[in-house]
Amino acid sequence: MKRPPIRPPAGAATQGEKLLVDREDTLLAFVIASLPKRSRNDIKAALRGQGITVGGRVVTRFDHPLTPGQVVEVCWHGPALAAAAPGLTIVHEDDDLIVIDKPGGLLTVATDREKRRTAYAMLSDYLKSANPEAKIFIVHRLDRETSGLLLFAKSEEIKRRIQETWESTVAERSYVAVVQGEVLAEKGTVTSYLTESSALVVYSSPNPKHGRKSVTHYRRLRGNGIYSLLELNLDTGRKHQIRVHMQDLGHPVVGDSKYGATANPLRRLCLHARVLAFHHPRSGQLCRFETPIPAAFLRLFRPPKGV
């Protein structure tokens, strides 16, 4: 007979649930069986996030052996779970997908110069800490200096499903950018044909024979005569599309010297993937995620002190 969780005295502070082991078992299987109202994903996240202890010691191995009489404690909240994937903010995770809020300056995938400090490697380590057989697959990418929402798949099948139906699966991709100068129009659209040179610079052309059609819609959120804060929505997702289209507009993204910017007050590319909405490849349900506009972007629009 399965024993109920150990309950703390009334009024006592607790960060999770305590379970008394009454049989030989492995850790993940025991916790899942003991907490039927908790989802498997929640339990696996707690395990990966160093939120499960056995006899007061943190354990992250899903197959850690248990013996009768041991006490397992599962922490659902608190600093332990914040360390689940150090350096990354996991916005959403289920059996098929992970959505992260990537910081600026972090590569999506490895390059010849950098192999380990990438979003891909960090997520792979995060998943393998609970299951050594786990894999992660890249669905789309963000430039190294671009921050914001990034989607990964947990299987090649799910990755393929999303990529093969990208235009119908993805319902919304919205960015915010700080650009140089005052954008006078409240809103507008930039359309051109983009192609990449052998030097890895993307060029814009009005000629359909000179690239792939690319469409960027923009809306002005703020301006102060020096910079403008824009919301950007993509009909297409070409490499460096926003950066090139802002150069075409005459207002390059702040910090983007590659595409014409001369100002770099934040020492970073001022481009952030703020909204990502897509139909889940398994359920068809619309999933929408939104992150705040980076505080550093907004500080550029504060009036000087004393004004």
C-alpha atoms as a PDB file:
ATOM      1  CA  MET A   1       0.000   0.000   0.000  1.00  0.00           C
ATOM      2  CA  LYS A   2       1.389   3.387  -1.060  1.00  0.00           C
ATOM      3  CA  ARG A   3       2.017   5.711   1.853  1.00  0.00           C
ATOM      4  CA  PRO A   4       0.832   9.337   1.620  1.00  0.00           C
ATOM      5  CA  PRO A   5       3.292  12.224   1.571  1.00  0.00           C
ATOM      6  CA  ILE A   6       4.634  13.294   4.973  1.00  0.00           C
ATOM      7  CA  ARG A   7       2.856  16.525   5.920  1.00  0.00           C
ATOM      8  CA  PRO A   8       4.573  19.256   7.953  1.00  0.00           C
ATOM      9  CA  PRO A   9       2.907  20.574  11.100  1.00  0.00           C
ATOM     10  CA  ALA A  10       0.230  23.220  10.588  1.00  0.00           C
ATOM     11  CA  GLY A  11       1.783  26.628  10.033  1.00  0.00           C
ATOM     12  CA  ALA A  12       5.245  25.243   9.333  1.00  0.00           C
ATOM     13  CA  ALA A  13       7.154  26.659   6.352  1.00  0.00           C
ATOM     14  CA  THR A  14       7.840  24.249   3.497  1.00  0.00           C
ATOM     15  CA  GLN A  15       9.205  24.502  -0.017  1.00  0.00           C
ATOM     16  CA  GLY A  16       7.907  21.164  -1.239  1.00  0.00           C
ATOM     17  CA  GLU A  17       6.620  17.725  -0.342  1.00  0.00           C
ATOM     18  CA  LYS A  18       8.243  14.956   1.684  1.00  0.00           C
ATOM     19  CA  LEU A  19       7.802  11.307   0.745  1.00  0.00           C
ATOM     20  CA  LEU A  20       8.709   8.281   2.876  1.00  0.00           C
ATOM     21  CA  VAL A  21      10.190   5.467   0.790  1.00  0.00           C
ATOM     22  CA  ASP A  22       8.403   2.183   1.553  1.00  0.00           C
ATOM     23  CA  ARG A  23       9.901  -0.064  -1.126  1.00  0.00           C
ATOM     24  CA  GLU A  24      12.957  -0.479  -3.282  1.00  0.00           C
ATOM     25  CA  ASP A  25      12.589   1.670  -6.389  1.00  0.00           C
ATOM     26  CA  THR A  26      14.342   4.235  -8.572  1.00  0.00           C
ATOM     27  CA  LEU A  27      13.927   7.920  -7.810  1.00  0.00           C
ATOM     28  CA  LEU A  28      11.926   9.226 -10.776  1.00  0.00           C
ATOM     29  CA  ALA A  29       9.579   6.233 -10.876  1.00  0.00           C
ATOM     30  CA  PHE A  30       8.958   6.487  -7.123  1.00  0.00           C
ATOM     31  CA  VAL A  31       8.152  10.219  -7.153  1.00  0.00           C
ATOM     32  CA  ILE A  32       5.834   9.890 -10.171  1.00  0.00           C
ATOM     33  CA  ALA A  33       3.935   7.032  -8.491  1.00  0.00           C
ATOM     34  CA  SER A  34       3.789   8.859  -5.144  1.00  0.00           C
ATOM     35  CA  LEU A  35       2.513  12.158  -6.554  1.00  0.00           C
ATOM     36  CA  PRO A  36      -0.153  11.243  -9.123  1.00  0.00           C
ATOM     37  CA  LYS A  37      -1.569  14.780  -9.182  1.00  0.00           C
ATOM     38  CA  ARG A  38       1.770  16.214 -10.304  1.00  0.00           C
ATOM     39  CA  SER A  39       2.667  16.114 -13.992  1.00  0.00           C
ATOM     40  CA  ARG A  40       5.625  14.092 -15.167  1.00  0.00           C
ATOM     41  CA  ASN A  41       7.127  17.288 -16.634  1.00  0.00           C
ATOM     42  CA  ASP A  42       6.948  19.103 -13.275  1.00  0.00           C
ATOM     43  CA  ILE A  43       8.695  16.223 -11.537  1.00  0.00           C
ATOM     44  CA  LYS A  44      11.408  15.942 -14.194  1.00  0.00           C
ATOM     45  CA  ALA A  45      11.955  19.720 -14.024  1.00  0.00           C
ATOM     46  CA  ALA A  46      12.378  19.501 -10.253  1.00  0.00           C
ATOM     47  CA  LEU A  47      14.889  16.682 -10.721  1.00  0.00           C
ATOM     48  CA  ARG A  48      16.906  18.593 -13.322  1.00  0.00           C
ATOM     49  CA  GLY A  49      16.724  21.747 -11.249  1.00  0.00           C
ATOM     50  CA  GLN A  50      18.303  20.132  -8.179  1.00  0.00           C
ATOM     51  CA  GLY A  51      14.968  20.379  -6.416  1.00  0.00           C
ATOM     52  CA  ILE A  52      14.845  16.770  -5.177  1.00  0.00           C
ATOM     53  CA  THR A  53      16.768  15.512  -2.173  1.00  0.00           C
ATOM     54  CA  VAL A  54      17.182  12.009  -0.772  1.00  0.00           C
ATOM     55  CA  GLY A  55      18.071  11.981   2.920  1.00  0.00           C
ATOM     56  CA  GLY A  56      18.843  15.698   2.697  1.00  0.00           C
ATOM     57  CA  ARG A  57      21.257  15.309  -0.239  1.00  0.00           C
ATOM     58  CA  VAL A  58      20.478  16.733  -3.701  1.00  0.00           C
ATOM     59  CA  VAL A  59      20.120  13.988  -6.327  1.00  0.00           C
ATOM     60  CA  THR A  60      19.650  14.615 -10.069  1.00  0.00           C
ATOM     61  CA  ARG A  61      19.936  11.062 -11.443  1.00  0.00           C
ATOM     62  CA  PHE A  62      16.521   9.775 -12.513  1.00  0.00           C
ATOM     63  CA  ASP A  63      17.561   6.170 -11.810  1.00  0.00           C
ATOM     64  CA  HIS A  64      19.034   6.810  -8.357  1.00  0.00           C
ATOM     65  CA  PRO A  65      18.214   3.692  -6.241  1.00  0.00           C
ATOM     66  CA  LEU A  66      15.983   4.091  -3.194  1.00  0.00           C
ATOM     67  CA  THR A  67      15.660   1.864  -0.143  1.00  0.00           C
ATOM     68  CA  PRO A  68      12.829   1.689   2.416  1.00  0.00           C
ATOM     69  CA  GLY A  69      13.043   4.263   5.210  1.00  0.00           C
ATOM     70  CA  GLN A  70      14.663   7.026   3.172  1.00  0.00           C
ATOM     71  CA  VAL A  71      12.930  10.419   2.925  1.00  0.00           C
ATOM     72  CA  VAL A  72      12.608  12.100  -0.461  1.00  0.00           C
ATOM     73  CA  GLU A  73      11.792  15.810  -0.555  1.00  0.00           C
ATOM     74  CA  VAL A  74      10.570  17.511  -3.722  1.00  0.00           C
ATOM     75  CA  CYS A  75      10.971  21.283  -3.972  1.00  0.00           C
ATOM     76  CA  TRP A  76       8.655  22.963  -6.481  1.00  0.00           C
ATOM     77  CA  HIS A  77       9.791  26.529  -5.899  1.00  0.00           C
ATOM     78  CA  GLY A  78      12.790  28.413  -4.647  1.00  0.00           C
ATOM     79  CA  PRO A  79      16.403  28.997  -5.642  1.00  0.00           C
ATOM     80  CA  ALA A  80      17.143  25.359  -6.461  1.00  0.00           C
ATOM     81  CA  LEU A  81      14.868  25.361  -9.494  1.00  0.00           C
ATOM     82  CA  ALA A  82      16.247  28.694 -10.708  1.00  0.00           C
ATOM     83  CA  ALA A  83      19.545  26.899 -11.288  1.00  0.00           C
ATOM     84  CA  ALA A  84      17.976  24.270 -13.555  1.00  0.00           C
ATOM     85  CA  ALA A  85      19.830  25.578 -16.609  1.00  0.00           C
ATOM     86  CA  PRO A  86      22.327  28.198 -15.393  1.00  0.00           C
ATOM     87  CA  GLY A  87      22.554  31.137 -17.786  1.00  0.00           C
ATOM     88  CA  LEU A  88      19.206  30.389 -19.432  1.00  0.00           C
ATOM     89  CA  THR A  89      15.611  31.270 -18.606  1.00  0.00           C
ATOM     90  CA  ILE A  90      13.243  28.445 -19.512  1.00  0.00           C
ATOM     91  CA  VAL A  91       9.900  29.999 -20.406  1.00  0.00           C
ATOM     92  CA  HIS A  92       8.082  26.753 -21.269  1.00  0.00           C
ATOM     93  CA  GLU A  93       8.819  23.042 -21.306  1.00  0.00           C
ATOM     94  CA  ASP A  94       6.695  20.027 -22.207  1.00  0.00           C
ATOM     95  CA  ASP A  95       7.349  16.519 -23.520  1.00  0.00           C
ATOM     96  CA  ASP A  96       8.034  17.841 -27.033  1.00  0.00           C
ATOM     97  CA  LEU A  97       9.359  21.397 -26.789  1.00  0.00           C
ATOM     98  CA  ILE A  98      11.408  23.892 -24.818  1.00  0.00           C
ATOM     99  CA  VAL A  99      11.109  27.676 -25.195  1.00  0.00           C
ATOM    100  CA  ILE A 100      13.889  29.782 -23.692  1.00  0.00           C
ATOM    101  CA  ASP A 101      14.578  33.487 -23.288  1.00  0.00           C
ATOM    102  CA  LYS A 102      18.110  33.640 -24.696  1.00  0.00           C
ATOM    103  CA  PRO A 103      20.378  36.378 -23.351  1.00  0.00           C
ATOM    104  CA  GLY A 104      22.203  38.614 -25.804  1.00  0.00           C
ATOM    105  CA  GLY A 105      25.757  37.487 -26.497  1.00  0.00           C
ATOM    106  CA  LEU A 106      24.984  33.756 -26.340  1.00  0.00           C
ATOM    107  CA  LEU A 107      25.308  31.656 -29.483  1.00  0.00           C
ATOM    108  CA  THR A 108      22.400  29.437 -30.477  1.00  0.00           C
ATOM    109  CA  VAL A 109      24.719  26.688 -31.748  1.00  0.00           C
ATOM    110  CA  ALA A 110      28.445  25.964 -31.839  1.00  0.00           C
ATOM    111  CA  THR A 111      30.932  27.622 -34.156  1.00  0.00           C
ATOM    112  CA  ASP A 112      34.553  26.764 -34.975  1.00  0.00           C
ATOM    113  CA  ARG A 113      35.636  29.086 -32.149  1.00  0.00           C
ATOM    114  CA  GLU A 114      32.991  28.289 -29.536  1.00  0.00           C
ATOM    115  CA  LYS A 115      31.735  24.776 -28.832  1.00  0.00           C
ATOM    116  CA  ARG A 116      30.359  24.728 -25.276  1.00  0.00           C
ATOM    117  CA  ARG A 117      28.924  28.129 -24.365  1.00  0.00           C
ATOM    118  CA  THR A 118      25.859  27.888 -26.587  1.00  0.00           C
ATOM    119  CA  ALA A 119      22.141  27.659 -25.893  1.00  0.00           C
ATOM    120  CA  TYR A 120      22.138  24.243 -27.541  1.00  0.00           C
ATOM    121  CA  ALA A 121      24.945  22.838 -25.347  1.00  0.00           C
ATOM    122  CA  MET A 122      23.462  24.286 -22.156  1.00  0.00           C
ATOM    123  CA  LEU A 123      20.015  22.839 -22.866  1.00  0.00           C
ATOM    124  CA  SER A 124      21.556  19.491 -23.781  1.00  0.00           C
ATOM    125  CA  ASP A 125      23.367  19.384 -20.421  1.00  0.00           C
ATOM    126  CA  TYR A 126      20.146  20.393 -18.662  1.00  0.00           C
ATOM    127  CA  LEU A 127      18.170  17.515 -20.175  1.00  0.00           C
ATOM    128  CA  LYS A 128      20.928  14.928 -19.813  1.00  0.00           C
ATOM    129  CA  SER A 129      21.228  15.678 -16.091  1.00  0.00           C
ATOM    130  CA  ALA A 130      17.916  13.837 -15.659  1.00  0.00           C
ATOM    131  CA  ASN A 131      18.156  11.444 -18.601  1.00  0.00           C
ATOM    132  CA  PRO A 132      21.536  10.713 -20.218  1.00  0.00           C
ATOM    133  CA  GLU A 133      19.737   9.586 -23.398  1.00  0.00           C
ATOM    134  CA  ALA A 134      17.874  12.892 -23.855  1.00  0.00           C
ATOM    135  CA  LYS A 135      18.485  14.940 -26.991  1.00  0.00           C
ATOM    136  CA  ILE A 136      17.686  18.471 -28.096  1.00  0.00           C
ATOM    137  CA  PHE A 137      17.087  19.744 -31.641  1.00  0.00           C
ATOM    138  CA  ILE A 138      17.299  23.274 -33.046  1.00  0.00           C
ATOM    139  CA  VAL A 139      14.076  24.543 -34.627  1.00  0.00           C
ATOM    140  CA  HIS A 140      15.206  28.094 -35.498  1.00  0.00           C
ATOM    141  CA  ARG A 141      18.029  30.443 -34.542  1.00  0.00           C
ATOM    142  CA  LEU A 142      18.720  33.911 -33.216  1.00  0.00           C
ATOM    143  CA  ASP A 143      21.877  35.873 -33.948  1.00  0.00           C
ATOM    144  CA  ARG A 144      24.416  35.750 -31.154  1.00  0.00           C
ATOM    145  CA  GLU A 145      23.783  39.359 -30.102  1.00  0.00           C
ATOM    146  CA  THR A 146      19.986  39.127 -30.363  1.00  0.00           C
ATOM    147  CA  SER A 147      18.151  38.236 -27.154  1.00  0.00           C
ATOM    148  CA  GLY A 148      14.721  36.713 -26.722  1.00  0.00           C
ATOM    149  CA  LEU A 149      12.476  33.739 -27.359  1.00  0.00           C
ATOM    150  CA  LEU A 150      13.990  30.678 -28.979  1.00  0.00           C
ATOM    151  CA  LEU A 151      12.315  27.323 -29.678  1.00  0.00           C
ATOM    152  CA  PHE A 152      13.899  23.851 -29.424  1.00  0.00           C
ATOM    153  CA  ALA A 153      12.427  20.379 -29.995  1.00  0.00           C
ATOM    154  CA  LYS A 154      13.064  17.247 -27.951  1.00  0.00           C
ATOM    155  CA  SER A 155      12.869  14.897 -30.925  1.00  0.00           C
ATOM    156  CA  GLU A 156      13.850  14.969 -34.575  1.00  0.00           C
ATOM    157  CA  GLU A 157      10.260  14.169 -35.537  1.00  0.00           C
ATOM    158  CA  ILE A 158       8.881  17.260 -33.762  1.00  0.00           C
ATOM    159  CA  LYS A 159      11.659  19.434 -35.193  1.00  0.00           C
ATOM    160  CA  ARG A 160      10.839  18.216 -38.703  1.00  0.00           C
ATOM    161  CA  ARG A 161       7.096  18.751 -38.244  1.00  0.00           C
ATOM    162  CA  ILE A 162       7.597  22.377 -37.214  1.00  0.00           C
ATOM    163  CA  GLN A 163      10.195  23.213 -39.845  1.00  0.00           C
ATOM    164  CA  GLU A 164       8.242  21.637 -42.705  1.00  0.00           C
ATOM    165  CA  THR A 165       5.083  23.589 -41.777  1.00  0.00           C
ATOM    166  CA  TRP A 166       6.824  26.712 -40.432  1.00  0.00           C
ATOM    167  CA  GLU A 167       4.651  29.295 -42.208  1.00  0.00           C
ATOM    168  CA  SER A 168       1.378  27.739 -41.025  1.00  0.00           C
ATOM    169  CA  THR A 169       2.658  26.600 -37.606  1.00  0.00           C
ATOM    170  CA  VAL A 170       4.105  29.934 -36.489  1.00  0.00           C
ATOM    171  CA  ALA A 171       1.299  32.434 -35.885  1.00  0.00           C
ATOM    172  CA  GLU A 172       3.349  35.386 -34.640  1.00  0.00           C
ATOM    173  CA  ARG A 173       6.973  36.469 -34.361  1.00  0.00           C
ATOM    174  CA  SER A 174       7.366  39.925 -32.884  1.00  0.00           C
ATOM    175  CA  TYR A 175      10.577  41.756 -32.012  1.00  0.00           C
ATOM    176  CA  VAL A 176      11.471  45.066 -30.429  1.00  0.00           C
ATOM    177  CA  ALA A 177      14.469  47.101 -31.516  1.00  0.00           C
ATOM    178  CA  VAL A 178      16.076  50.400 -30.672  1.00  0.00           C
ATOM    179  CA  VAL A 179      17.105  52.099 -33.905  1.00  0.00           C
ATOM    180  CA  GLN A 180      19.105  55.221 -34.604  1.00  0.00           C
ATOM    181  CA  GLY A 181      17.264  58.470 -35.237  1.00  0.00           C
ATOM    182  CA  GLU A 182      13.635  59.514 -35.041  1.00  0.00           C
ATOM    183  CA  VAL A 183      11.319  57.306 -37.105  1.00  0.00           C
ATOM    184  CA  LEU A 184       8.574  59.710 -38.106  1.00  0.00           C
ATOM    185  CA  ALA A 185       6.010  57.251 -39.477  1.00  0.00           C
ATOM    186  CA  GLU A 186       3.764  55.612 -36.898  1.00  0.00           C
ATOM    187  CA  LYS A 187       3.928  52.367 -38.838  1.00  0.00           C
ATOM    188  CA  GLY A 188       5.091  50.974 -42.140  1.00  0.00           C
ATOM    189  CA  THR A 189       6.357  47.961 -44.078  1.00  0.00           C
ATOM    190  CA  VAL A 190       9.721  47.208 -45.663  1.00  0.00           C
ATOM    191  CA  THR A 191       9.739  44.691 -48.530  1.00  0.00           C
ATOM    192  CA  SER A 192      12.804  43.604 -50.478  1.00  0.00           C
ATOM    193  CA  TYR A 193      14.694  40.590 -51.781  1.00  0.00           C
ATOM    194  CA  LEU A 194      17.608  39.421 -49.644  1.00  0.00           C
ATOM    195  CA  THR A 195      20.731  37.545 -50.626  1.00  0.00           C
ATOM    196  CA  GLU A 196      23.953  36.741 -48.776  1.00  0.00           C
ATOM    197  CA  SER A 197      27.440  37.422 -50.102  1.00  0.00           C
ATOM    198  CA  SER A 198      30.454  35.150 -49.765  1.00  0.00           C
ATOM    199  CA  ALA A 199      31.595  37.507 -46.983  1.00  0.00           C
ATOM    200  CA  LEU A 200      28.420  36.573 -45.004  1.00  0.00           C
ATOM    201  CA  VAL A 201      26.886  40.026 -45.424  1.00  0.00           C
ATOM    202  CA  VAL A 202      23.198  40.113 -46.381  1.00  0.00           C
ATOM    203  CA  TYR A 203      22.188  42.531 -49.129  1.00  0.00           C
ATOM    204  CA  SER A 204      18.797  43.951 -50.043  1.00  0.00           C
ATOM    205  CA  SER A 205      17.480  44.384 -53.583  1.00  0.00           C
ATOM    206  CA  PRO A 206      14.150  45.452 -55.163  1.00  0.00           C
ATOM    207  CA  ASN A 207      14.744  42.867 -57.901  1.00  0.00           C
ATOM    208  CA  PRO A 208      13.002  39.472 -57.385  1.00  0.00           C
ATOM    209  CA  LYS A 209      15.835  37.812 -59.288  1.00  0.00           C
ATOM    210  CA  HIS A 210      18.358  38.936 -56.698  1.00  0.00           C
ATOM    211  CA  GLY A 211      17.173  37.147 -53.582  1.00  0.00           C
ATOM    212  CA  ARG A 212      14.280  35.812 -51.513  1.00  0.00           C
ATOM    213  CA  LYS A 213      11.285  38.004 -50.784  1.00  0.00           C
ATOM    214  CA  SER A 214      11.360  39.392 -47.237  1.00  0.00           C
ATOM    215  CA  VAL A 215       8.672  41.438 -45.472  1.00  0.00           C
ATOM    216  CA  THR A 216       9.032  43.343 -42.184  1.00  0.00           C
ATOM    217  CA  HIS A 217       6.242  45.410 -40.606  1.00  0.00           C
ATOM    218  CA  TYR A 218       7.162  48.072 -38.042  1.00  0.00           C
ATOM    219  CA  ARG A 219       5.315  50.248 -35.536  1.00  0.00           C
ATOM    220  CA  ARG A 220       6.856  53.098 -33.560  1.00  0.00           C
ATOM    221  CA  LEU A 221       6.470  52.726 -29.785  1.00  0.00           C
ATOM    222  CA  ARG A 222       8.704  55.555 -28.532  1.00  0.00           C
ATOM    223  CA  GLY A 223      11.075  58.185 -29.813  1.00  0.00           C
ATOM    224  CA  ASN A 224      13.253  60.912 -28.361  1.00  0.00           C
ATOM    225  CA  GLY A 225      14.935  62.432 -31.394  1.00  0.00           C
ATOM    226  CA  ILE A 226      18.066  60.337 -30.868  1.00  0.00           C
ATOM    227  CA  TYR A 227      16.618  56.825 -30.890  1.00  0.00           C
ATOM    228  CA  SER A 228      13.306  55.154 -31.724  1.00  0.00           C
ATOM    229  CA  LEU A 229      11.828  52.032 -30.152  1.00  0.00           C
ATOM    230  CA  LEU A 230      10.079  49.892 -32.749  1.00  0.00           C
ATOM    231  CA  GLU A 231       7.875  46.823 -32.666  1.00  0.00           C
ATOM    232  CA  LEU A 232       8.688  44.574 -35.619  1.00  0.00           C
ATOM    233  CA  ASN A 233       6.586  41.743 -37.059  1.00  0.00           C
ATOM    234  CA  LEU A 234       7.860  39.342 -39.692  1.00  0.00           C
ATOM    235  CA  ASP A 235       5.974  37.795 -42.575  1.00  0.00           C
ATOM    236  CA  THR A 236       9.191  35.972 -43.467  1.00  0.00           C
ATOM    237  CA  GLY A 237      12.172  34.918 -41.370  1.00  0.00           C
ATOM    238  CA  ARG A 238      15.319  35.469 -43.417  1.00  0.00           C
ATOM    239  CA  LYS A 239      18.817  35.697 -41.987  1.00  0.00           C
ATOM    240  CA  HIS A 240      19.538  39.256 -40.720  1.00  0.00           C
ATOM    241  CA  GLN A 241      16.182  40.384 -42.161  1.00  0.00           C
ATOM    242  CA  ILE A 242      15.361  42.980 -39.505  1.00  0.00           C
ATOM    243  CA  ARG A 243      18.908  44.311 -39.409  1.00  0.00           C
ATOM    244  CA  VAL A 244      19.059  44.815 -43.187  1.00  0.00           C
ATOM    245  CA  HIS A 245      15.545  46.249 -43.404  1.00  0.00           C
ATOM    246  CA  MET A 246      16.266  48.789 -40.688  1.00  0.00           C
ATOM    247  CA  GLN A 247      19.373  49.816 -42.641  1.00  0.00           C
ATOM    248  CA  ASP A 248      17.123  50.161 -45.735  1.00  0.00           C
ATOM    249  CA  LEU A 249      14.775  52.356 -43.682  1.00  0.00           C
ATOM    250  CA  GLY A 250      17.682  54.640 -42.829  1.00  0.00           C
ATOM    251  CA  HIS A 251      17.495  53.742 -39.143  1.00  0.00           C
ATOM    252  CA  PRO A 252      19.946  50.905 -38.390  1.00  0.00           C
ATOM    253  CA  VAL A 253      19.570  48.896 -35.195  1.00  0.00           C
ATOM    254  CA  VAL A 254      21.609  50.477 -32.409  1.00  0.00           C
ATOM    255  CA  GLY A 255      24.849  48.552 -31.871  1.00  0.00           C
ATOM    256  CA  ASP A 256      24.757  46.993 -35.361  1.00  0.00           C
ATOM    257  CA  SER A 257      27.950  48.292 -36.955  1.00  0.00           C
ATOM    258  CA  LYS A 258      27.754  45.534 -39.581  1.00  0.00           C
ATOM    259  CA  TYR A 259      24.655  47.175 -41.041  1.00  0.00           C
ATOM    260  CA  GLY A 260      25.375  50.859 -40.643  1.00  0.00           C
ATOM    261  CA  ALA A 261      24.961  51.755 -36.955  1.00  0.00           C
ATOM    262  CA  THR A 262      27.368  54.283 -35.450  1.00  0.00           C
ATOM    263  CA  ALA A 263      25.898  54.356 -31.921  1.00  0.00           C
ATOM    264  CA  ASN A 264      26.366  51.599 -29.335  1.00  0.00           C
ATOM    265  CA  PRO A 265      25.415  52.990 -25.892  1.00  0.00           C
ATOM    266  CA  LEU A 266      24.491  49.567 -24.429  1.00  0.00           C
ATOM    267  CA  ARG A 267      27.462  47.663 -25.877  1.00  0.00           C
ATOM    268  CA  ARG A 268      25.082  45.208 -27.508  1.00  0.00           C
ATOM    269  CA  LEU A 269      22.797  44.810 -30.500  1.00  0.00           C
ATOM    270  CA  CYS A 270      19.490  46.363 -29.437  1.00  0.00           C
ATOM    271  CA  LEU A 271      17.239  43.664 -30.880  1.00  0.00           C
ATOM    272  CA  HIS A 272      15.016  41.371 -28.812  1.00  0.00           C
ATOM    273  CA  ALA A 273      12.641  38.564 -29.889  1.00  0.00           C
ATOM    274  CA  ARG A 274       9.724  39.504 -27.679  1.00  0.00           C
ATOM    275  CA  VAL A 275       6.754  37.369 -28.820  1.00  0.00           C
ATOM    276  CA  LEU A 276       6.590  33.847 -30.236  1.00  0.00           C
ATOM    277  CA  ALA A 277       3.262  32.155 -30.984  1.00  0.00           C
ATOM    278  CA  PHE A 278       2.821  28.803 -32.700  1.00  0.00           C
ATOM    279  CA  HIS A 279       0.424  25.894 -33.020  1.00  0.00           C
ATOM    280  CA  HIS A 280       1.729  22.976 -30.993  1.00  0.00           C
ATOM    281  CA  PRO A 281       2.864  20.253 -33.425  1.00  0.00           C
ATOM    282  CA  ARG A 282       1.192  17.486 -31.433  1.00  0.00           C
ATOM    283  CA  SER A 283      -2.006  19.020 -30.044  1.00  0.00           C
ATOM    284  CA  GLY A 284      -2.573  21.851 -32.509  1.00  0.00           C
ATOM    285  CA  GLN A 285      -3.177  24.199 -29.560  1.00  0.00           C
ATOM    286  CA  LEU A 286      -2.039  27.804 -29.995  1.00  0.00           C
ATOM    287  CA  CYS A 287       0.873  28.528 -27.660  1.00  0.00           C
ATOM    288  CA  ARG A 288       1.852  32.184 -27.175  1.00  0.00           C
ATOM    289  CA  PHE A 289       4.821  33.447 -25.167  1.00  0.00           C
ATOM    290  CA  GLU A 290       5.810  37.047 -24.477  1.00  0.00           C
ATOM    291  CA  THR A 291       8.788  38.554 -22.671  1.00  0.00           C
ATOM    292  CA  PRO A 292       9.177  42.124 -21.368  1.00  0.00           C
ATOM    293  CA  ILE A 293      10.967  44.792 -23.360  1.00  0.00           C
ATOM    294  CA  PRO A 294      14.540  44.773 -21.993  1.00  0.00           C
ATOM    295  CA  ALA A 295      14.890  47.375 -19.253  1.00  0.00           C
ATOM    296  CA  ALA A 296      18.136  48.629 -20.799  1.00  0.00           C
ATOM    297  CA  PHE A 297      16.246  49.520 -23.997  1.00  0.00           C
ATOM    298  CA  LEU A 298      13.691  51.552 -22.044  1.00  0.00           C
ATOM    299  CA  ARG A 299      16.380  53.425 -20.097  1.00  0.00           C
ATOM    300  CA  LEU A 300      17.505  55.055 -23.344  1.00  0.00           C
ATOM    301  CA  PHE A 301      14.146  56.868 -23.449  1.00  0.00           C
ATOM    302  CA  ARG A 302      14.107  58.214 -19.899  1.00  0.00           C
ATOM    303  CA  PRO A 303      14.413  61.986 -19.644  1.00  0.00           C
ATOM    304  CA  PRO A 304      17.680  63.243 -18.080  1.00  0.00           C
ATOM    305  CA  LYS A 305      17.559  63.757 -14.331  1.00  0.00           C
ATOM    306  CA  GLY A 306      16.334  67.184 -13.350  1.00  0.00           C
ATOM    307  CA  VAL A 307      14.322  67.650 -16.533  1.00  0.00           C
END
